[in-house]
Protein backbone atom coordinates (compact mmCIF):
# COMPACT_ATOMS: atom_id res chain seq x y z
CA MET A 1 15.84 45.40 16.69
CA LYS A 2 15.13 45.92 20.39
CA ILE A 3 12.73 42.96 20.34
CA PHE A 4 15.43 40.80 18.75
CA LYS A 5 17.90 41.76 21.47
CA THR A 6 15.34 40.97 24.16
CA TYR A 7 14.51 37.55 22.79
CA LYS A 8 17.78 36.67 21.01
CA HIS A 9 18.61 33.83 23.43
CA GLU A 10 15.14 32.32 22.92
CA ILE A 11 15.43 32.64 19.13
CA ARG A 12 18.87 31.04 19.15
CA PHE A 13 17.62 28.20 21.33
CA HIS A 14 14.73 27.39 19.01
CA LEU A 15 17.03 27.57 15.99
CA LEU A 16 19.36 25.13 17.77
CA ILE A 17 16.63 22.73 18.77
CA ASN A 18 15.12 22.71 15.28
CA LEU A 19 18.53 22.08 13.77
CA CYS A 20 18.94 19.08 16.08
CA ILE A 21 15.47 17.79 15.14
CA ALA A 22 16.27 18.24 11.46
CA VAL A 23 19.58 16.33 11.63
CA PHE A 24 18.50 13.49 13.90
CA ILE A 25 14.90 13.13 12.75
CA SER A 26 13.29 15.06 9.89
CA ILE A 27 15.84 14.74 7.09
CA ALA A 28 15.60 10.94 7.32
CA SER A 29 12.33 11.07 5.37
CA TYR A 30 14.02 12.82 2.44
CA ILE A 31 17.44 11.20 2.23
CA HIS A 32 16.39 8.30 -0.04
CA ILE A 33 14.04 10.20 -2.37
CA PRO A 34 15.25 10.04 -6.01
CA LEU A 35 15.22 13.64 -7.23
CA GLY A 36 17.27 13.84 -10.43
CA THR A 37 16.64 17.46 -11.41
CA ALA A 38 17.32 20.88 -9.92
CA LYS A 39 13.57 21.56 -9.89
CA ALA A 40 12.91 18.43 -7.85
CA TYR A 41 15.63 19.37 -5.35
CA PHE A 42 14.10 22.81 -5.01
CA ILE A 43 10.60 21.38 -4.44
CA TYR A 44 11.67 18.84 -1.83
CA VAL A 45 13.98 21.26 0.00
CA GLY A 46 10.96 23.54 0.23
CA HIS A 47 8.83 20.66 1.45
CA PHE A 48 11.40 19.87 4.13
CA PHE A 49 11.54 23.46 5.38
CA ILE A 50 7.74 23.65 5.49
CA LEU A 51 7.59 20.42 7.52
CA GLN A 52 10.29 21.68 9.86
CA PHE A 53 8.53 25.03 10.23
CA THR A 54 5.20 23.43 11.12
CA PHE A 55 6.84 21.14 13.69
CA PHE A 56 8.55 24.16 15.24
CA GLY A 57 5.09 25.48 16.10
CA PHE A 58 4.19 22.43 18.17
CA ILE A 59 7.61 22.31 19.87
CA TYR A 60 7.44 26.00 20.72
CA PHE A 61 4.12 25.76 22.54
CA LEU A 62 5.31 22.67 24.42
CA SER A 63 8.35 24.69 25.55
CA LEU A 64 6.06 27.20 27.27
CA PHE A 65 5.42 24.50 29.88
CA LYS A 66 8.87 24.22 31.40
CA ARG A 67 8.48 21.05 33.47
CA ALA A 68 6.53 19.17 30.78
CA PHE A 69 9.07 20.15 28.13
CA SER A 70 12.01 19.07 30.29
CA ILE A 71 10.48 15.61 30.71
CA LEU A 72 8.80 15.01 27.35
CA PHE A 73 11.29 16.51 24.90
CA PRO A 74 14.15 14.06 25.64
CA ILE A 75 11.76 11.10 25.55
CA PHE A 76 10.22 12.02 22.20
CA PHE A 77 13.51 13.18 20.72
CA VAL A 78 15.14 9.80 21.39
CA LEU A 79 11.98 7.92 20.31
CA PHE A 80 11.71 9.77 16.99
CA SER A 81 15.48 9.42 16.48
CA GLY A 82 15.14 5.64 16.88
CA PHE A 83 12.59 5.52 14.07
CA SER A 84 14.70 7.88 11.96
CA PHE A 85 17.73 5.59 12.27
CA TRP A 86 15.88 2.88 10.35
CA GLU A 87 14.71 5.36 7.72
CA TYR A 88 18.31 6.51 7.31
CA SER A 89 19.88 3.05 7.26
CA GLN A 90 17.21 0.81 5.72
CA ASN A 91 14.72 3.17 4.06
CA ILE A 92 12.06 1.57 6.26
CA SER A 93 8.78 3.47 6.22
CA VAL A 94 7.26 4.50 9.52
CA ASN A 95 3.67 3.37 9.24
CA THR A 96 1.00 1.53 11.18
CA GLY A 97 2.51 -1.84 10.26
CA LEU A 98 5.86 -0.86 11.76
CA ILE A 99 4.19 0.50 14.88
CA GLN A 100 2.29 -2.77 15.28
CA ALA A 101 5.43 -4.83 14.82
CA ILE A 102 7.23 -2.82 17.50
CA LEU A 103 4.41 -3.03 20.02
CA GLU A 104 3.54 -6.66 19.38
CA THR A 105 6.88 -8.25 18.58
CA LYS A 106 8.47 -10.79 20.93
CA PRO A 107 11.27 -9.53 23.23
CA ASP A 108 13.86 -11.91 21.75
CA ILE A 109 13.22 -10.53 18.25
CA ALA A 110 13.44 -6.96 19.54
CA VAL A 111 16.86 -7.69 21.04
CA ASP A 112 18.16 -8.73 17.61
CA ILE A 113 17.82 -5.19 16.23
CA MET A 114 19.90 -3.69 19.05
CA ASN A 115 23.08 -3.49 16.99
CA VAL A 116 26.04 -1.19 17.66
CA PRO A 117 25.15 1.52 15.09
CA PHE A 118 21.57 1.71 16.40
CA ILE A 119 22.64 1.97 20.05
CA THR A 120 25.30 4.55 19.13
CA TYR A 121 22.68 6.63 17.31
CA LEU A 122 20.32 6.47 20.29
CA LEU A 123 23.09 7.48 22.70
CA ALA A 124 24.04 10.39 20.47
CA SER A 125 20.42 11.52 20.32
CA LEU A 126 20.10 11.21 24.10
CA LEU A 127 23.22 13.33 24.70
CA THR A 128 21.90 15.90 22.21
CA ALA A 129 18.54 16.00 24.00
CA ILE A 130 20.27 16.52 27.39
CA PHE A 131 22.37 19.32 25.89
CA CYS A 132 19.21 20.99 24.55
CA ILE A 133 17.48 20.77 27.92
CA LYS A 134 20.46 22.35 29.67
CA LYS A 135 20.33 25.23 27.18
CA PHE A 136 16.59 25.46 27.74
CA HIS A 137 17.00 25.94 31.49
CA THR A 138 19.23 28.96 30.90
CA LEU A 139 16.51 30.88 29.05
CA GLU A 140 15.27 34.02 30.71
CA ASN A 141 12.46 34.73 28.25
CA ASN A 142 10.20 32.01 26.91
CA THR A 143 6.62 33.22 27.19
CA LEU A 144 3.57 33.97 25.10
CA LYS A 145 4.76 37.59 24.90
CA SER A 146 7.55 36.49 22.58
CA PRO A 147 7.18 37.30 18.86
CA LEU A 148 7.89 33.61 18.28
CA SER A 149 4.40 32.88 19.61
CA ILE A 150 2.83 34.50 16.56
CA LEU A 151 5.20 32.59 14.29
CA ALA A 152 4.32 29.34 16.08
CA VAL A 153 0.59 29.97 15.56
CA ILE A 154 1.23 30.51 11.84
CA ALA A 155 3.34 27.33 11.73
CA ILE A 156 0.61 25.18 13.29
CA GLY A 157 -1.98 26.81 11.04
CA CYS A 158 0.15 25.89 8.01
CA PHE A 159 0.12 22.24 9.05
CA PHE A 160 -3.68 22.05 9.17
CA VAL A 161 -4.17 24.09 5.98
CA ILE A 162 -1.74 21.91 4.02
CA GLU A 163 -3.20 18.65 5.35
CA ASN A 164 -6.73 19.87 4.65
CA LYS A 165 -5.81 20.74 1.08
CA ARG A 166 -3.87 17.53 0.42
CA SER A 167 -4.09 14.82 3.03
CA ASP A 168 -0.87 13.10 4.16
CA THR A 169 1.42 15.69 2.56
CA LEU A 170 3.19 16.09 5.90
CA LYS A 171 1.78 13.17 7.89
CA ARG A 172 3.80 10.64 5.86
CA ARG A 173 7.05 12.26 6.96
CA ILE A 174 8.77 11.66 10.26
CA PRO A 175 8.19 12.88 13.02
CA TYR A 176 4.51 13.21 12.05
CA SER A 177 4.44 9.67 10.64
CA VAL A 178 5.28 8.29 14.09
CA VAL A 179 2.49 10.25 15.79
CA PHE A 180 -0.17 9.41 13.23
CA GLY A 181 1.09 5.83 12.89
CA PHE A 182 0.36 5.32 16.59
CA GLN A 183 -3.01 7.04 16.16
CA LYS A 184 -4.03 4.74 13.31
CA TYR A 185 -2.82 1.70 15.22
CA LEU A 186 -5.11 2.58 18.12
CA GLN A 187 -8.11 3.32 15.90
CA LYS A 188 -10.82 0.72 15.58
CA PRO A 189 -11.65 -0.22 11.98
CA ASN A 190 -15.00 0.96 10.63
CA LEU A 191 -15.54 -2.38 8.91
CA ARG A 192 -17.91 -4.76 10.67
CA LEU A 193 -17.79 -8.41 9.64
CA LYS A 194 -20.58 -10.92 10.04
CA GLU A 195 -19.97 -14.30 11.49
CA VAL A 196 -20.91 -17.08 9.07
CA LYS A 197 -23.44 -19.09 11.04
CA GLU A 198 -24.95 -20.96 8.12
CA ASN A 199 -24.12 -24.59 7.49
CA VAL A 200 -22.03 -24.01 4.38
CA ILE A 201 -20.72 -26.79 2.15
CA SER A 202 -18.89 -27.03 -1.17
CA ASN A 203 -19.80 -29.57 -3.81
CA GLU A 204 -16.35 -29.26 -5.38
CA ASN A 205 -13.45 -31.59 -4.70
CA GLY A 206 -9.77 -30.82 -5.23
CA LEU A 207 -10.36 -27.27 -6.51
CA GLU A 208 -7.41 -24.88 -6.25
CA ILE A 209 -8.24 -21.18 -6.63
CA ILE A 210 -5.37 -18.71 -7.02
CA LEU A 211 -6.52 -15.11 -6.54
CA VAL A 212 -4.02 -12.43 -7.51
CA LEU A 213 -4.88 -8.91 -6.37
CA GLY A 214 -3.01 -6.40 -8.48
CA GLU A 215 -2.28 -2.76 -7.83
CA SER A 216 -2.92 0.23 -10.12
CA LEU A 217 -2.92 -1.80 -13.36
CA ARG A 218 -5.19 -0.31 -16.01
CA ALA A 219 -6.71 -2.60 -18.60
CA ASP A 220 -5.92 -0.58 -21.72
CA HIS A 221 -2.13 -0.78 -21.22
CA LEU A 222 -2.12 -4.54 -21.72
CA TYR A 223 -1.01 -5.73 -25.15
CA LEU A 224 -3.54 -8.53 -24.59
CA ASN A 225 -6.25 -5.86 -24.75
CA GLY A 226 -5.00 -4.15 -27.89
CA TYR A 227 -2.38 -1.75 -26.48
CA HIS A 228 0.12 -0.70 -29.16
CA ARG A 229 3.12 -1.78 -27.05
CA ASN A 230 3.79 -5.44 -26.35
CA THR A 231 3.70 -5.11 -22.57
CA THR A 232 2.65 -8.75 -22.15
CA PRO A 233 4.98 -10.80 -24.39
CA LEU A 234 4.96 -13.85 -22.10
CA LEU A 235 1.27 -13.95 -21.23
CA SER A 236 0.42 -13.52 -24.90
CA GLN A 237 1.93 -16.97 -25.47
CA GLN A 238 -0.05 -18.66 -22.69
CA LYS A 239 -3.01 -20.74 -23.68
CA ASN A 240 -6.10 -20.97 -21.45
CA LEU A 241 -5.84 -17.21 -20.72
CA ILE A 242 -8.78 -14.82 -21.03
CA SER A 243 -8.43 -11.06 -20.62
CA PHE A 244 -11.50 -8.99 -19.75
CA LYS A 245 -11.22 -5.50 -21.20
CA ASN A 246 -14.13 -3.70 -19.55
CA LEU A 247 -14.04 -4.23 -15.80
CA TYR A 248 -15.48 -1.25 -13.93
CA THR A 249 -15.08 -0.02 -10.38
CA PRO A 250 -15.86 3.44 -8.97
CA LEU A 251 -13.57 2.68 -6.03
CA THR A 252 -10.12 3.95 -6.96
CA TYR A 253 -8.33 3.64 -3.61
CA THR A 254 -6.92 0.35 -2.33
CA SER A 255 -8.49 1.04 1.06
CA THR A 256 -11.98 1.06 -0.48
CA SER A 257 -11.64 -1.30 -3.43
CA VAL A 258 -10.08 -4.28 -1.65
CA PRO A 259 -12.80 -4.54 1.05
CA GLN A 260 -15.40 -4.42 -1.70
CA LEU A 261 -13.71 -7.14 -3.75
CA LEU A 262 -13.31 -9.51 -0.82
CA THR A 263 -16.79 -9.20 0.72
CA ASP A 264 -20.42 -9.16 -0.31
CA LYS A 265 -20.32 -5.35 -0.46
CA SER A 266 -21.69 -3.95 -3.73
CA ILE A 267 -20.12 -0.99 -5.52
CA SER A 268 -23.52 0.73 -5.12
CA ASP A 269 -23.70 0.24 -1.33
CA THR A 270 -23.57 3.52 0.56
CA ASN A 271 -24.49 2.37 4.06
CA GLU A 272 -21.99 0.91 6.53
CA LYS A 273 -23.69 -2.45 6.95
CA ALA A 274 -21.95 -5.51 8.33
CA LEU A 275 -20.19 -7.48 5.58
CA THR A 276 -19.27 -11.11 5.05
CA SER A 277 -15.70 -12.08 4.27
CA LEU A 278 -15.20 -14.32 1.25
CA TYR A 279 -12.65 -16.32 3.22
CA SER A 280 -15.00 -16.90 6.16
CA ILE A 281 -17.49 -18.59 3.85
CA LEU A 282 -14.87 -20.70 2.11
CA LYS A 283 -13.32 -21.77 5.42
CA LYS A 284 -16.76 -22.83 6.64
CA ALA A 285 -16.99 -24.94 3.49
CA ASN A 286 -13.68 -26.62 4.39
CA PHE A 287 -11.43 -24.65 2.04
CA HIS A 288 -7.88 -23.98 3.15
CA THR A 289 -7.32 -20.23 2.83
CA LYS A 290 -3.95 -18.48 2.62
CA TRP A 291 -2.95 -14.83 2.10
CA VAL A 292 0.51 -13.81 0.88
CA GLY A 293 0.94 -10.05 0.55
CA ASN A 294 3.55 -7.55 -0.56
CA GLN A 295 1.63 -4.64 0.95
CA SER A 296 1.20 -3.68 4.59
CA LEU A 297 -2.32 -4.44 5.74
CA GLU A 298 -4.54 -1.38 5.98
CA LYS A 299 -7.14 -1.00 8.70
CA SER A 300 -9.90 -0.99 6.08
CA TYR A 301 -9.31 -4.61 5.06
CA LYS A 302 -6.99 -6.07 7.69
CA SER A 303 -9.83 -7.86 9.51
CA ILE A 304 -10.92 -9.46 6.22
CA VAL A 305 -7.42 -10.74 5.50
CA ASN A 306 -7.15 -12.12 9.02
CA THR A 307 -10.11 -14.43 8.38
CA ASN A 308 -7.64 -16.57 6.36
CA ASP A 309 -6.12 -19.70 7.88
CA SER A 310 -2.67 -18.21 7.38
CA VAL A 311 -1.39 -14.72 6.59
CA ILE A 312 2.13 -13.95 5.35
CA ILE A 313 3.27 -10.40 4.68
CA ILE A 314 6.64 -10.17 2.98
CA ASP A 315 8.81 -7.07 3.44
CA LYS A 316 6.32 -5.69 5.94
CA PHE A 317 8.48 -2.71 6.95
CA HIS A 318 8.77 -1.17 3.48
CA SER A 319 5.58 0.53 2.41
CA ALA A 320 4.47 1.39 -1.12
CA PHE A 321 6.28 4.70 -0.69
CA SER A 322 9.65 3.11 0.02
CA PHE A 323 12.27 2.91 -2.71
CA LYS A 324 13.66 -0.42 -1.50
CA LYS A 325 10.38 -2.30 -1.62
CA GLU A 326 10.68 -6.03 -2.33
CA LYS A 327 9.75 -7.03 -5.88
CA ASP A 328 6.57 -9.08 -6.35
CA ILE A 329 8.38 -12.19 -7.54
CA SER A 330 9.28 -12.83 -3.89
CA LEU A 331 5.62 -13.69 -3.29
CA LEU A 332 6.09 -16.90 -5.22
CA LYS A 333 8.50 -18.28 -2.62
CA HIS A 334 5.36 -19.03 -0.65
CA TYR A 335 3.65 -21.06 -3.36
CA GLN A 336 4.35 -24.79 -3.39
CA PRO A 337 2.90 -26.43 -6.52
CA ASN A 338 4.08 -29.91 -5.54
CA LYS A 339 2.52 -29.84 -2.08
CA PRO A 340 0.09 -32.76 -1.58
CA PHE A 341 -3.41 -31.65 -2.47
CA ILE A 342 -5.66 -32.61 0.41
CA LYS A 343 -8.74 -30.42 -0.02
CA ASN A 344 -10.11 -27.36 -1.76
CA SER A 345 -7.99 -24.25 -1.32
CA ILE A 346 -7.72 -20.57 -2.15
CA THR A 347 -4.40 -18.73 -2.08
CA THR A 348 -4.38 -14.95 -2.46
CA PHE A 349 -1.33 -13.05 -3.66
CA HIS A 350 -1.50 -9.30 -3.02
CA MET A 351 0.95 -7.45 -5.28
CA ILE A 352 2.58 -4.03 -5.00
CA GLY A 353 2.11 -4.07 -8.77
CA SER A 354 2.22 -0.74 -10.58
CA HIS A 355 2.02 1.57 -7.59
CA TRP A 356 4.01 4.79 -7.85
CA TYR A 357 7.12 5.20 -7.61
CA TYR A 358 7.10 3.05 -10.76
CA ASN A 359 10.88 2.52 -11.05
CA SER A 360 10.89 0.74 -7.68
CA ARG A 361 8.61 -2.02 -8.98
CA TYR A 362 10.96 -3.64 -11.49
CA GLY A 363 14.66 -4.36 -11.98
CA ASP A 364 16.97 -3.24 -14.78
CA ALA A 365 16.20 -6.34 -16.82
CA PHE A 366 12.65 -5.06 -17.33
CA LYS A 367 13.59 -1.54 -18.42
CA LYS A 368 12.10 -2.13 -21.86
CA TYR A 369 10.82 1.38 -22.56
CA THR A 370 13.12 4.38 -22.16
CA PRO A 371 13.76 7.11 -21.16
CA ILE A 372 12.23 6.56 -17.72
CA VAL A 373 11.59 8.96 -14.86
CA ALA A 374 14.63 10.02 -12.87
CA SER A 375 12.84 11.80 -10.05
CA LYS A 376 10.01 11.16 -7.65
CA HIS A 377 8.88 14.73 -8.28
CA LEU A 378 6.12 14.43 -10.87
CA GLY A 379 6.86 17.77 -12.52
CA SER A 380 10.48 16.81 -13.25
CA SER A 381 9.52 14.14 -15.79
CA SER A 382 7.80 14.27 -19.15
CA THR A 383 4.57 12.41 -19.83
CA ALA A 384 6.50 10.03 -22.09
CA GLN A 385 8.98 9.20 -19.31
CA LEU A 386 6.18 8.53 -16.84
CA ILE A 387 4.32 6.27 -19.26
CA ASN A 388 7.56 4.43 -20.10
CA SER A 389 8.19 3.74 -16.40
CA TYR A 390 4.57 2.68 -15.90
CA ASP A 391 4.63 0.34 -18.90
CA ASN A 392 7.81 -1.25 -17.56
CA THR A 393 5.87 -2.20 -14.42
CA ILE A 394 3.49 -4.08 -16.69
CA VAL A 395 6.37 -5.89 -18.37
CA TYR A 396 7.38 -6.99 -14.87
CA PHE A 397 3.78 -7.97 -14.08
CA ASP A 398 3.83 -10.10 -17.24
CA PHE A 399 6.94 -11.87 -15.94
CA PHE A 400 5.44 -12.35 -12.48
CA LEU A 401 2.09 -13.76 -13.57
CA ASN A 402 3.67 -15.92 -16.26
CA SER A 403 6.07 -17.35 -13.63
CA LEU A 404 3.15 -18.13 -11.34
CA ILE A 405 1.23 -19.85 -14.14
CA ASN A 406 4.27 -21.93 -15.10
CA ASN A 407 4.65 -23.01 -11.48
CA ILE A 408 1.01 -24.08 -11.38
CA LYS A 409 1.42 -26.04 -14.62
CA LYS A 410 4.07 -28.26 -13.01
CA GLU A 411 1.16 -30.22 -11.56
CA ASN A 412 -1.99 -30.84 -13.56
CA LYS A 413 -4.36 -29.76 -10.83
CA ASN A 414 -7.90 -28.52 -11.07
CA THR A 415 -6.74 -24.89 -10.85
CA LEU A 416 -8.38 -21.56 -11.58
CA LEU A 417 -6.35 -18.34 -11.44
CA ILE A 418 -8.15 -15.00 -11.23
CA TYR A 419 -6.17 -11.78 -11.53
CA VAL A 420 -7.88 -8.49 -10.78
CA SER A 421 -6.31 -5.13 -10.07
CA ASP A 422 -7.81 -3.06 -7.26
CA HIS A 423 -8.17 -0.08 -9.61
CA GLY A 424 -6.52 1.45 -12.66
CA GLU A 425 -4.20 4.43 -13.02
CA THR A 426 -4.49 7.82 -14.69
CA LEU A 427 -1.44 8.84 -16.71
CA GLY A 428 -1.86 12.50 -17.53
CA GLU A 429 -5.31 12.34 -19.10
CA GLU A 430 -7.03 15.70 -18.55
CA GLY A 431 -4.03 16.74 -16.45
CA LYS A 432 -4.68 14.03 -13.85
CA TRP A 433 -2.22 11.50 -12.46
CA PHE A 434 -2.20 8.29 -10.44
CA HIS A 435 -5.46 7.11 -8.82
CA GLY A 436 -8.00 8.05 -6.20
CA ILE A 437 -9.82 10.15 -8.77
CA ALA A 438 -13.03 9.66 -10.71
CA HIS A 439 -11.61 9.06 -14.17
CA LYS A 440 -12.31 6.22 -16.58
CA THR A 441 -8.65 5.18 -16.64
CA SER A 442 -8.63 4.68 -12.86
CA GLN A 443 -12.01 2.98 -12.98
CA ASN A 444 -11.04 0.36 -15.56
CA PRO A 445 -8.63 -2.08 -13.87
CA ALA A 446 -7.11 -5.09 -15.57
CA MET A 447 -8.73 -8.50 -15.13
CA LEU A 448 -7.45 -11.88 -16.35
CA ILE A 449 -8.44 -15.50 -15.90
CA TRP A 450 -6.22 -18.50 -16.51
CA TYR A 451 -7.26 -22.12 -16.02
CA SER A 452 -5.42 -25.42 -16.02
CA ASP A 453 -6.17 -28.05 -18.66
CA HIS A 454 -7.78 -30.16 -15.96
CA PHE A 455 -10.08 -27.28 -14.98
CA GLY A 456 -10.92 -26.59 -18.62
CA ILE A 457 -11.96 -30.17 -19.29
CA LYS A 458 -14.06 -30.27 -16.15
CA ASN A 459 -15.74 -26.90 -16.83
CA GLU A 460 -15.99 -26.74 -20.61
CA LEU A 461 -19.33 -24.92 -20.69
CA LYS A 462 -18.22 -22.34 -18.13
CA ILE A 463 -15.06 -21.63 -20.12
CA LYS A 464 -17.12 -21.03 -23.26
CA ARG A 465 -19.29 -18.66 -21.25
CA LEU A 466 -16.20 -16.72 -20.11
CA GLN A 467 -14.88 -16.47 -23.66
CA ALA A 468 -18.25 -15.16 -24.83
CA ILE A 469 -18.29 -12.25 -22.33
CA GLU A 470 -14.64 -11.15 -22.37
CA ASN A 471 -15.59 -7.88 -24.11
CA ASP A 472 -18.68 -7.23 -21.97
CA SER A 473 -18.91 -4.60 -19.27
CA ILE A 474 -18.41 -6.21 -15.85
CA SER A 475 -18.48 -4.59 -12.42
CA SER A 476 -16.08 -5.47 -9.62
CA ASN A 477 -19.06 -7.05 -7.83
CA PHE A 478 -18.22 -10.15 -9.87
CA LEU A 479 -15.38 -11.48 -7.72
CA PHE A 480 -17.14 -12.46 -4.49
CA HIS A 481 -20.08 -14.14 -6.24
CA SER A 482 -18.01 -15.78 -8.98
CA ILE A 483 -15.68 -17.51 -6.53
CA LEU A 484 -18.59 -18.83 -4.48
CA ASP A 485 -20.25 -19.97 -7.69
CA ILE A 486 -17.23 -21.85 -9.06
CA ALA A 487 -16.66 -23.35 -5.60
CA LYS A 488 -20.24 -24.70 -5.76
CA ILE A 489 -21.11 -23.26 -2.38
CA GLU A 490 -24.40 -24.27 -0.82
CA GLY A 491 -25.91 -22.92 2.38
CA PHE A 492 -24.90 -19.29 1.83
CA LYS A 493 -27.00 -17.04 -0.39
CA TYR A 494 -25.01 -15.23 -3.07
CA GLN A 495 -26.03 -13.54 -6.34
CA THR A 496 -25.60 -15.95 -9.21
CA LYS A 497 -26.40 -13.17 -11.70
CA GLU A 498 -23.16 -11.39 -10.65
CA SER A 499 -21.05 -14.49 -11.34
CA ILE A 500 -19.09 -14.48 -14.58
CA PHE A 501 -19.45 -18.28 -14.64
CA SER A 502 -23.24 -18.09 -14.74
CA ARG A 503 -23.66 -14.90 -16.73
CA SER A 504 -26.02 -15.34 -19.66
CA ALA A 505 -24.30 -15.20 -23.01
CA GLU A 506 -24.74 -16.55 -26.52
CA ILE A 507 -22.54 -19.62 -26.84
CA GLU A 508 -22.02 -21.31 -30.17
């Protein structure tokens, strides 16, 4: 009791300052989370208090340095509050993409976001920070001798223990997301790309390749592949469509699978050798290359994507973890089927696909299977609800890919469409969920090929070869080599044996 009396002003100050941080900053990361059940509320309230407790530890030790705290606290408080405003108002995720946009955007664009509510929020946060500093300067005791020092050590220890046990548990939430977003922005990517120095040519003329990179779509939940639910009613009616049931990849994170798909990296490669971008080779062979994505670019594959002639990222400020993420159909606004066809081209569409939170990936019109999940908290939903929500994402995928195919069919071009998901998804098998785990459901992504009538006539033997191997086991090594093969690339050495267009098969 005597200790409390001695340090009561310090304790009250830190309670005050943490309350201000909670209101202006921390709660913003939780305000839009769909919870649904009392259990979910309990879990996320606990998560919030743990985050707030760990941040208290860092703030406390900063406060031991009076001059530094007086200068830095107002700056960071207003900075974090600025980010939190957009989480509150727009459910915009604070990630590396947002950090990059802020640091690299043009001044005239930056001025456009300076609206009255934003400026009012910043002024309120500034006045709050000044009030806190004035209270801070009245403290008589604020030293390492305080019992709060021990609590602060425990708080900081909790942060590292939790992050070590489950990475990004706290780092994805503001204010940590701002700090680590800046850190990731400043990091240099580990990926090293080779320059294509060879004299590369293509012996094709007027070839249009459409590459669709999916997200978290497992092969065995497609009706096309024998799934008991008709998750693909539209695609099932499309002719010239081949579904490959047994694609395999051991890489079950987007950050590892996408670089492998888009370069000459093999799934068996363990060394960090320099890689060659698929787009660099095609550009050298006079292909026009275009990337249209509905995911923020990660460091692991950003440099590969940037080897395209043009890169468009839609809805760049809402990450996969936002609940207002743009639906994939918006990607098709950037496909122009009637555009004059001048030369060979490859257009890549990168979907948000079936990434959790599943309900955010489709609209009410695609709520075919019910009941669906009502909470982001995994434990608040039954397995049936989770699978229903997941299968509804596939119904939406069916609509998206069918719409793209119908757009392509408006012009009878020499077009090949390849769809491949980066990895699959685990839906409760052996008590496991989502991806990033070594399980056959995550390692068996969906893969489809559609071709125009023109392409089919021109490549009759290759189509028969594809139809003959649709049930064969195929590794994700296929993509890089298959595209170079069908593009008839000469001057760059690739592995014909990995190409699905040259794979040996018995053809009647």
